[in-house]
Amino acid sequence: MKRILLLGLLTGFLGMNLFSQVDRPFHFGLHFSPLIGWMKPDALGYTSEGSLLNINYGFSTEFRIATNYTFATGLDIMTTGGKLRYPHQMRINETDDLPLEGVLLRRYKTQYLQLPLSIRMRTNEIGYLTFYGQFGFTTGFNLSAKANDEFDYAGSTTGGKIKSDDVDIQKEVSFFRAGMLIGIGAEYSLGGSTALSAGFAFNNGFTDVLKGKNSIDTQKEENAISNLIEVSLGIIF
């Protein structure tokens, strides 16, 4: 009788533990997200010259707040940027008395520590798949900022272009970036609480990521927002 009772208690405990693993209110995950980023300027004479391919990676956590609803957050290392063209002046040689005026094509590469804050709305499991929609906000803190520059100026006898790579521009980039996050995705159950995930998200920045003034017109403040589209691949535990 004692053996039967002990076996029953053990079976019940294992069953409860298995249930808690499958339906627990907290999940942890890792992800890697290739992304395409671009910058949208809001200053006279500044134009966008296209997008750049970068990456976002980190870990995520989800807390269940209601049936089919979770609060999703985590920490990311996000590298993004874009290309801008604008009027610029610089000294070509140290002995020059005056800087030369021209046009600068700058390729920005900015890295942020990003904290996403979002709500995920889930479907019930369909076979092994669960689909979700996501909406929320992101806050980012600048870790580094580099640029590849191509300065095109008039009056040159060598083609009129000067190129510089990995220029440190951290002082010219805002420390804080905020954005709105909208996404969709799916999770494929591997059994228990483990699943593979894939998603598509649009991160629309709404704070100015540049600071400072134009080198030619010092009354003109530099202003641009950064946007990105990412494809996220990950695993959830």
C-alpha atoms as a PDB file:
ATOM      1  CA  MET A   1       0.000   0.000   0.000  1.00  0.00           C
ATOM      2  CA  LYS A   2       2.842   2.357   0.896  1.00  0.00           C
ATOM      3  CA  ARG A   3       4.557   1.551  -2.413  1.00  0.00           C
ATOM      4  CA  ILE A   4       1.378   2.310  -4.346  1.00  0.00           C
ATOM      5  CA  LEU A   5       0.942   5.590  -2.453  1.00  0.00           C
ATOM      6  CA  LEU A   6       4.596   6.540  -3.001  1.00  0.00           C
ATOM      7  CA  LEU A   7       4.348   5.694  -6.698  1.00  0.00           C
ATOM      8  CA  GLY A   8       1.194   7.770  -6.984  1.00  0.00           C
ATOM      9  CA  LEU A   9       2.820  10.774  -5.296  1.00  0.00           C
ATOM     10  CA  LEU A  10       5.938  10.450  -7.478  1.00  0.00           C
ATOM     11  CA  THR A  11       3.826  10.208 -10.639  1.00  0.00           C
ATOM     12  CA  GLY A  12       1.809  13.230  -9.581  1.00  0.00           C
ATOM     13  CA  PHE A  13       4.960  15.238  -8.822  1.00  0.00           C
ATOM     14  CA  LEU A  14       6.523  14.380 -12.192  1.00  0.00           C
ATOM     15  CA  GLY A  15       3.288  15.245 -13.942  1.00  0.00           C
ATOM     16  CA  MET A  16       3.105  18.622 -12.208  1.00  0.00           C
ATOM     17  CA  ASN A  17       6.770  19.291 -13.014  1.00  0.00           C
ATOM     18  CA  LEU A  18       6.275  18.425 -16.684  1.00  0.00           C
ATOM     19  CA  PHE A  19       3.222  20.666 -16.845  1.00  0.00           C
ATOM     20  CA  SER A  20       5.105  23.530 -15.263  1.00  0.00           C
ATOM     21  CA  GLN A  21       7.899  23.129 -17.819  1.00  0.00           C
ATOM     22  CA  VAL A  22       5.450  23.219 -20.730  1.00  0.00           C
ATOM     23  CA  ASP A  23       3.115  25.922 -19.415  1.00  0.00           C
ATOM     24  CA  ARG A  24       5.359  27.909 -17.111  1.00  0.00           C
ATOM     25  CA  PRO A  25       4.824  31.689 -16.965  1.00  0.00           C
ATOM     26  CA  PHE A  26       8.432  32.541 -17.870  1.00  0.00           C
ATOM     27  CA  HIS A  27      10.525  31.707 -20.947  1.00  0.00           C
ATOM     28  CA  PHE A  28      14.077  32.519 -21.951  1.00  0.00           C
ATOM     29  CA  GLY A  29      15.494  32.618 -25.485  1.00  0.00           C
ATOM     30  CA  LEU A  30      18.468  33.477 -27.676  1.00  0.00           C
ATOM     31  CA  HIS A  31      18.246  35.078 -31.115  1.00  0.00           C
ATOM     32  CA  PHE A  32      20.306  36.234 -34.074  1.00  0.00           C
ATOM     33  CA  SER A  33      18.774  38.785 -36.454  1.00  0.00           C
ATOM     34  CA  PRO A  34      20.181  39.954 -39.793  1.00  0.00           C
ATOM     35  CA  LEU A  35      18.834  43.437 -40.503  1.00  0.00           C
ATOM     36  CA  ILE A  36      18.688  46.179 -43.098  1.00  0.00           C
ATOM     37  CA  GLY A  37      19.031  49.680 -41.672  1.00  0.00           C
ATOM     38  CA  TRP A  38      18.672  53.113 -43.213  1.00  0.00           C
ATOM     39  CA  MET A  39      18.549  56.729 -42.063  1.00  0.00           C
ATOM     40  CA  LYS A  40      15.954  59.379 -42.855  1.00  0.00           C
ATOM     41  CA  PRO A  41      17.376  62.914 -42.597  1.00  0.00           C
ATOM     42  CA  ASP A  42      15.378  65.993 -41.642  1.00  0.00           C
ATOM     43  CA  ALA A  43      17.800  68.771 -42.507  1.00  0.00           C
ATOM     44  CA  LEU A  44      18.059  70.916 -45.622  1.00  0.00           C
ATOM     45  CA  GLY A  45      20.704  69.592 -48.026  1.00  0.00           C
ATOM     46  CA  TYR A  46      20.881  66.149 -46.391  1.00  0.00           C
ATOM     47  CA  THR A  47      19.749  63.168 -48.470  1.00  0.00           C
ATOM     48  CA  SER A  48      19.521  59.444 -47.806  1.00  0.00           C
ATOM     49  CA  GLU A  49      21.738  57.336 -50.054  1.00  0.00           C
ATOM     50  CA  GLY A  50      20.473  53.847 -49.230  1.00  0.00           C
ATOM     51  CA  SER A  51      20.596  51.108 -46.643  1.00  0.00           C
ATOM     52  CA  LEU A  52      23.246  48.877 -45.053  1.00  0.00           C
ATOM     53  CA  LEU A  53      23.189  45.241 -43.923  1.00  0.00           C
ATOM     54  CA  ASN A  54      23.989  44.653 -40.230  1.00  0.00           C
ATOM     55  CA  ILE A  55      23.067  42.338 -37.336  1.00  0.00           C
ATOM     56  CA  ASN A  56      21.228  42.228 -34.025  1.00  0.00           C
ATOM     57  CA  TYR A  57      21.799  39.485 -31.450  1.00  0.00           C
ATOM     58  CA  GLY A  58      21.012  38.873 -27.803  1.00  0.00           C
ATOM     59  CA  PHE A  59      18.651  37.159 -25.416  1.00  0.00           C
ATOM     60  CA  SER A  60      14.948  37.563 -24.764  1.00  0.00           C
ATOM     61  CA  THR A  61      12.595  36.856 -21.892  1.00  0.00           C
ATOM     62  CA  GLU A  62       8.826  36.485 -21.891  1.00  0.00           C
ATOM     63  CA  PHE A  63       6.401  36.738 -18.994  1.00  0.00           C
ATOM     64  CA  ARG A  64       2.850  35.477 -19.369  1.00  0.00           C
ATOM     65  CA  ILE A  65       0.383  38.199 -18.352  1.00  0.00           C
ATOM     66  CA  ALA A  66      -2.833  36.593 -19.623  1.00  0.00           C
ATOM     67  CA  THR A  67      -4.004  33.699 -21.763  1.00  0.00           C
ATOM     68  CA  ASN A  68      -2.242  34.031 -25.138  1.00  0.00           C
ATOM     69  CA  TYR A  69      -0.542  37.295 -24.077  1.00  0.00           C
ATOM     70  CA  THR A  70       3.064  37.756 -22.934  1.00  0.00           C
ATOM     71  CA  PHE A  71       5.297  40.675 -22.047  1.00  0.00           C
ATOM     72  CA  ALA A  72       8.523  40.340 -24.058  1.00  0.00           C
ATOM     73  CA  THR A  73      11.799  42.043 -23.190  1.00  0.00           C
ATOM     74  CA  GLY A  74      15.524  41.230 -23.095  1.00  0.00           C
ATOM     75  CA  LEU A  75      18.859  42.737 -24.093  1.00  0.00           C
ATOM     76  CA  ASP A  76      20.253  43.099 -27.619  1.00  0.00           C
ATOM     77  CA  ILE A  77      23.502  44.221 -29.176  1.00  0.00           C
ATOM     78  CA  MET A  78      22.198  45.957 -32.286  1.00  0.00           C
ATOM     79  CA  THR A  79      24.377  47.329 -35.092  1.00  0.00           C
ATOM     80  CA  THR A  80      22.603  49.513 -37.622  1.00  0.00           C
ATOM     81  CA  GLY A  81      23.170  52.635 -39.690  1.00  0.00           C
ATOM     82  CA  GLY A  82      22.686  53.972 -43.177  1.00  0.00           C
ATOM     83  CA  LYS A  83      24.158  56.307 -45.794  1.00  0.00           C
ATOM     84  CA  LEU A  84      23.766  60.101 -45.936  1.00  0.00           C
ATOM     85  CA  ARG A  85      25.066  62.704 -48.375  1.00  0.00           C
ATOM     86  CA  TYR A  86      25.384  66.350 -47.331  1.00  0.00           C
ATOM     87  CA  PRO A  87      27.450  69.559 -47.763  1.00  0.00           C
ATOM     88  CA  HIS A  88      30.722  69.469 -45.861  1.00  0.00           C
ATOM     89  CA  GLN A  89      34.074  71.185 -45.607  1.00  0.00           C
ATOM     90  CA  MET A  90      37.475  69.964 -44.462  1.00  0.00           C
ATOM     91  CA  ARG A  91      41.181  70.700 -44.727  1.00  0.00           C
ATOM     92  CA  ILE A  92      42.847  68.388 -47.236  1.00  0.00           C
ATOM     93  CA  ASN A  93      46.363  69.120 -45.949  1.00  0.00           C
ATOM     94  CA  GLU A  94      47.497  70.312 -42.537  1.00  0.00           C
ATOM     95  CA  THR A  95      49.195  73.291 -44.182  1.00  0.00           C
ATOM     96  CA  ASP A  96      45.979  74.536 -45.838  1.00  0.00           C
ATOM     97  CA  ASP A  97      44.849  77.945 -44.616  1.00  0.00           C
ATOM     98  CA  LEU A  98      41.190  77.337 -45.375  1.00  0.00           C
ATOM     99  CA  PRO A  99      39.084  74.175 -45.627  1.00  0.00           C
ATOM    100  CA  LEU A 100      37.695  73.124 -48.975  1.00  0.00           C
ATOM    101  CA  GLU A 101      33.954  72.830 -49.506  1.00  0.00           C
ATOM    102  CA  GLY A 102      32.379  69.800 -51.086  1.00  0.00           C
ATOM    103  CA  VAL A 103      29.938  66.953 -50.507  1.00  0.00           C
ATOM    104  CA  LEU A 104      30.417  64.142 -47.990  1.00  0.00           C
ATOM    105  CA  LEU A 105      28.988  60.640 -48.472  1.00  0.00           C
ATOM    106  CA  ARG A 106      29.014  59.032 -45.028  1.00  0.00           C
ATOM    107  CA  ARG A 107      28.252  55.390 -44.243  1.00  0.00           C
ATOM    108  CA  TYR A 108      27.204  55.183 -40.599  1.00  0.00           C
ATOM    109  CA  LYS A 109      27.778  52.095 -38.447  1.00  0.00           C
ATOM    110  CA  THR A 110      26.280  52.589 -35.000  1.00  0.00           C
ATOM    111  CA  GLN A 111      26.041  49.996 -32.231  1.00  0.00           C
ATOM    112  CA  TYR A 112      23.480  50.092 -29.421  1.00  0.00           C
ATOM    113  CA  LEU A 113      22.638  48.193 -26.271  1.00  0.00           C
ATOM    114  CA  GLN A 114      18.913  47.824 -26.892  1.00  0.00           C
ATOM    115  CA  LEU A 115      16.108  47.045 -24.441  1.00  0.00           C
ATOM    116  CA  PRO A 116      12.850  46.030 -26.186  1.00  0.00           C
ATOM    117  CA  LEU A 117       9.540  46.399 -24.336  1.00  0.00           C
ATOM    118  CA  SER A 118       6.647  44.771 -26.161  1.00  0.00           C
ATOM    119  CA  ILE A 119       3.457  42.721 -25.947  1.00  0.00           C
ATOM    120  CA  ARG A 120       3.137  39.455 -27.877  1.00  0.00           C
ATOM    121  CA  MET A 121      -0.319  38.191 -28.836  1.00  0.00           C
ATOM    122  CA  ARG A 122      -0.321  34.443 -29.531  1.00  0.00           C
ATOM    123  CA  THR A 123      -2.586  31.938 -31.191  1.00  0.00           C
ATOM    124  CA  ASN A 124      -3.297  28.567 -29.647  1.00  0.00           C
ATOM    125  CA  GLU A 125      -0.886  25.856 -30.790  1.00  0.00           C
ATOM    126  CA  ILE A 126      -1.775  24.572 -34.265  1.00  0.00           C
ATOM    127  CA  GLY A 127      -0.021  21.247 -34.644  1.00  0.00           C
ATOM    128  CA  TYR A 128       3.503  22.137 -33.592  1.00  0.00           C
ATOM    129  CA  LEU A 129       3.184  25.817 -34.569  1.00  0.00           C
ATOM    130  CA  THR A 130       2.209  28.911 -32.620  1.00  0.00           C
ATOM    131  CA  PHE A 131       1.860  32.252 -34.407  1.00  0.00           C
ATOM    132  CA  TYR A 132       2.220  35.679 -32.809  1.00  0.00           C
ATOM    133  CA  GLY A 133       1.942  39.380 -33.433  1.00  0.00           C
ATOM    134  CA  GLN A 134       4.124  41.855 -31.560  1.00  0.00           C
ATOM    135  CA  PHE A 135       3.842  45.546 -30.723  1.00  0.00           C
ATOM    136  CA  GLY A 136       5.886  47.759 -28.432  1.00  0.00           C
ATOM    137  CA  PHE A 137       8.856  50.062 -28.101  1.00  0.00           C
ATOM    138  CA  THR A 138      12.651  49.885 -28.001  1.00  0.00           C
ATOM    139  CA  THR A 139      15.164  51.937 -26.062  1.00  0.00           C
ATOM    140  CA  GLY A 140      18.796  51.954 -27.158  1.00  0.00           C
ATOM    141  CA  PHE A 141      22.033  53.292 -25.666  1.00  0.00           C
ATOM    142  CA  ASN A 142      24.929  53.993 -27.986  1.00  0.00           C
ATOM    143  CA  LEU A 143      28.042  51.867 -27.495  1.00  0.00           C
ATOM    144  CA  SER A 144      30.082  52.936 -30.529  1.00  0.00           C
ATOM    145  CA  ALA A 145      29.794  54.847 -33.788  1.00  0.00           C
ATOM    146  CA  LYS A 146      32.078  54.570 -36.817  1.00  0.00           C
ATOM    147  CA  ALA A 147      31.843  55.877 -40.372  1.00  0.00           C
ATOM    148  CA  ASN A 148      33.345  55.302 -43.796  1.00  0.00           C
ATOM    149  CA  ASP A 149      33.626  58.685 -45.503  1.00  0.00           C
ATOM    150  CA  GLU A 150      34.007  59.762 -49.110  1.00  0.00           C
ATOM    151  CA  PHE A 151      34.598  63.507 -49.475  1.00  0.00           C
ATOM    152  CA  ASP A 152      34.080  64.926 -52.976  1.00  0.00           C
ATOM    153  CA  TYR A 153      35.441  68.423 -53.447  1.00  0.00           C
ATOM    154  CA  ALA A 154      35.904  70.824 -56.355  1.00  0.00           C
ATOM    155  CA  GLY A 155      39.267  71.836 -57.789  1.00  0.00           C
ATOM    156  CA  SER A 156      41.078  68.538 -57.230  1.00  0.00           C
ATOM    157  CA  THR A 157      43.655  67.222 -59.671  1.00  0.00           C
ATOM    158  CA  THR A 158      43.350  63.652 -58.326  1.00  0.00           C
ATOM    159  CA  GLY A 159      39.724  62.914 -58.982  1.00  0.00           C
ATOM    160  CA  GLY A 160      38.333  65.110 -56.236  1.00  0.00           C
ATOM    161  CA  LYS A 161      37.657  62.390 -53.669  1.00  0.00           C
ATOM    162  CA  ILE A 162      39.183  61.532 -50.331  1.00  0.00           C
ATOM    163  CA  LYS A 163      38.209  58.292 -48.591  1.00  0.00           C
ATOM    164  CA  SER A 164      38.533  57.558 -44.883  1.00  0.00           C
ATOM    165  CA  ASP A 165      37.483  54.314 -43.169  1.00  0.00           C
ATOM    166  CA  ASP A 166      36.518  53.574 -39.560  1.00  0.00           C
ATOM    167  CA  VAL A 167      36.299  57.219 -38.561  1.00  0.00           C
ATOM    168  CA  ASP A 168      35.293  57.556 -34.894  1.00  0.00           C
ATOM    169  CA  ILE A 169      32.118  59.672 -34.861  1.00  0.00           C
ATOM    170  CA  GLN A 170      30.714  58.776 -31.442  1.00  0.00           C
ATOM    171  CA  LYS A 171      30.701  62.447 -30.394  1.00  0.00           C
ATOM    172  CA  GLU A 172      28.460  63.194 -33.386  1.00  0.00           C
ATOM    173  CA  VAL A 173      25.842  60.533 -32.538  1.00  0.00           C
ATOM    174  CA  SER A 174      23.147  60.815 -29.867  1.00  0.00           C
ATOM    175  CA  PHE A 175      23.554  58.536 -26.856  1.00  0.00           C
ATOM    176  CA  PHE A 176      19.854  57.555 -26.725  1.00  0.00           C
ATOM    177  CA  ARG A 177      17.671  56.048 -29.455  1.00  0.00           C
ATOM    178  CA  ALA A 178      13.988  55.145 -29.125  1.00  0.00           C
ATOM    179  CA  GLY A 179      11.776  53.360 -31.621  1.00  0.00           C
ATOM    180  CA  MET A 180       8.447  51.654 -32.194  1.00  0.00           C
ATOM    181  CA  LEU A 181       8.506  47.884 -32.788  1.00  0.00           C
ATOM    182  CA  ILE A 182       5.964  45.978 -34.899  1.00  0.00           C
ATOM    183  CA  GLY A 183       6.441  42.337 -35.828  1.00  0.00           C
ATOM    184  CA  ILE A 184       4.986  38.931 -36.649  1.00  0.00           C
ATOM    185  CA  GLY A 185       6.425  35.463 -36.250  1.00  0.00           C
ATOM    186  CA  ALA A 186       5.990  31.790 -35.483  1.00  0.00           C
ATOM    187  CA  GLU A 187       7.365  29.206 -33.064  1.00  0.00           C
ATOM    188  CA  TYR A 188       7.849  25.500 -33.789  1.00  0.00           C
ATOM    189  CA  SER A 189       7.648  23.273 -30.723  1.00  0.00           C
ATOM    190  CA  LEU A 190      10.477  20.783 -30.195  1.00  0.00           C
ATOM    191  CA  GLY A 191       8.783  19.285 -27.152  1.00  0.00           C
ATOM    192  CA  GLY A 192       8.328  20.570 -23.626  1.00  0.00           C
ATOM    193  CA  SER A 193       9.079  24.275 -23.372  1.00  0.00           C
ATOM    194  CA  THR A 194      11.723  24.281 -26.143  1.00  0.00           C
ATOM    195  CA  ALA A 195      10.877  25.809 -29.513  1.00  0.00           C
ATOM    196  CA  LEU A 196      12.485  27.284 -32.601  1.00  0.00           C
ATOM    197  CA  SER A 197      11.350  30.790 -33.511  1.00  0.00           C
ATOM    198  CA  ALA A 198      11.397  32.939 -36.616  1.00  0.00           C
ATOM    199  CA  GLY A 199      10.040  36.437 -37.001  1.00  0.00           C
ATOM    200  CA  PHE A 200       9.935  39.604 -39.074  1.00  0.00           C
ATOM    201  CA  ALA A 201       9.953  43.045 -37.435  1.00  0.00           C
ATOM    202  CA  PHE A 202      10.014  46.738 -38.338  1.00  0.00           C
ATOM    203  CA  ASN A 203      11.817  49.045 -35.897  1.00  0.00           C
ATOM    204  CA  ASN A 204      10.784  52.629 -36.617  1.00  0.00           C
ATOM    205  CA  GLY A 205      12.988  55.170 -34.840  1.00  0.00           C
ATOM    206  CA  PHE A 206      11.443  58.418 -33.636  1.00  0.00           C
ATOM    207  CA  THR A 207      14.348  60.195 -31.923  1.00  0.00           C
ATOM    208  CA  ASP A 208      17.153  62.142 -33.583  1.00  0.00           C
ATOM    209  CA  VAL A 209      20.266  59.940 -33.766  1.00  0.00           C
ATOM    210  CA  LEU A 210      22.615  62.771 -34.775  1.00  0.00           C
ATOM    211  CA  LYS A 211      23.865  65.774 -32.858  1.00  0.00           C
ATOM    212  CA  GLY A 212      25.979  68.738 -33.791  1.00  0.00           C
ATOM    213  CA  LYS A 213      25.878  71.207 -36.631  1.00  0.00           C
ATOM    214  CA  ASN A 214      26.828  71.243 -40.284  1.00  0.00           C
ATOM    215  CA  SER A 215      30.482  72.160 -40.888  1.00  0.00           C
ATOM    216  CA  ILE A 216      29.615  74.728 -43.601  1.00  0.00           C
ATOM    217  CA  ASP A 217      26.426  76.214 -42.156  1.00  0.00           C
ATOM    218  CA  THR A 218      26.921  76.182 -38.399  1.00  0.00           C
ATOM    219  CA  GLN A 219      23.345  77.394 -37.902  1.00  0.00           C
ATOM    220  CA  LYS A 220      22.041  74.153 -39.381  1.00  0.00           C
ATOM    221  CA  GLU A 221      21.583  71.321 -36.918  1.00  0.00           C
ATOM    222  CA  GLU A 222      22.064  67.764 -38.130  1.00  0.00           C
ATOM    223  CA  ASN A 223      18.935  65.664 -37.743  1.00  0.00           C
ATOM    224  CA  ALA A 224      18.033  62.113 -38.799  1.00  0.00           C
ATOM    225  CA  ILE A 225      16.126  59.084 -37.534  1.00  0.00           C
ATOM    226  CA  SER A 226      17.203  55.496 -38.081  1.00  0.00           C
ATOM    227  CA  ASN A 227      14.874  52.706 -39.219  1.00  0.00           C
ATOM    228  CA  LEU A 228      15.455  49.017 -39.721  1.00  0.00           C
ATOM    229  CA  ILE A 229      13.843  45.778 -40.830  1.00  0.00           C
ATOM    230  CA  GLU A 230      15.078  42.544 -39.263  1.00  0.00           C
ATOM    231  CA  VAL A 231      14.550  38.813 -39.650  1.00  0.00           C
ATOM    232  CA  SER A 232      14.925  37.091 -36.296  1.00  0.00           C
ATOM    233  CA  LEU A 233      15.979  33.448 -35.840  1.00  0.00           C
ATOM    234  CA  GLY A 234      16.170  31.951 -32.377  1.00  0.00           C
ATOM    235  CA  ILE A 235      15.531  29.242 -29.836  1.00  0.00           C
ATOM    236  CA  ILE A 236      13.274  29.409 -26.782  1.00  0.00           C
ATOM    237  CA  PHE A 237      13.756  27.373 -23.607  1.00  0.00           C
END
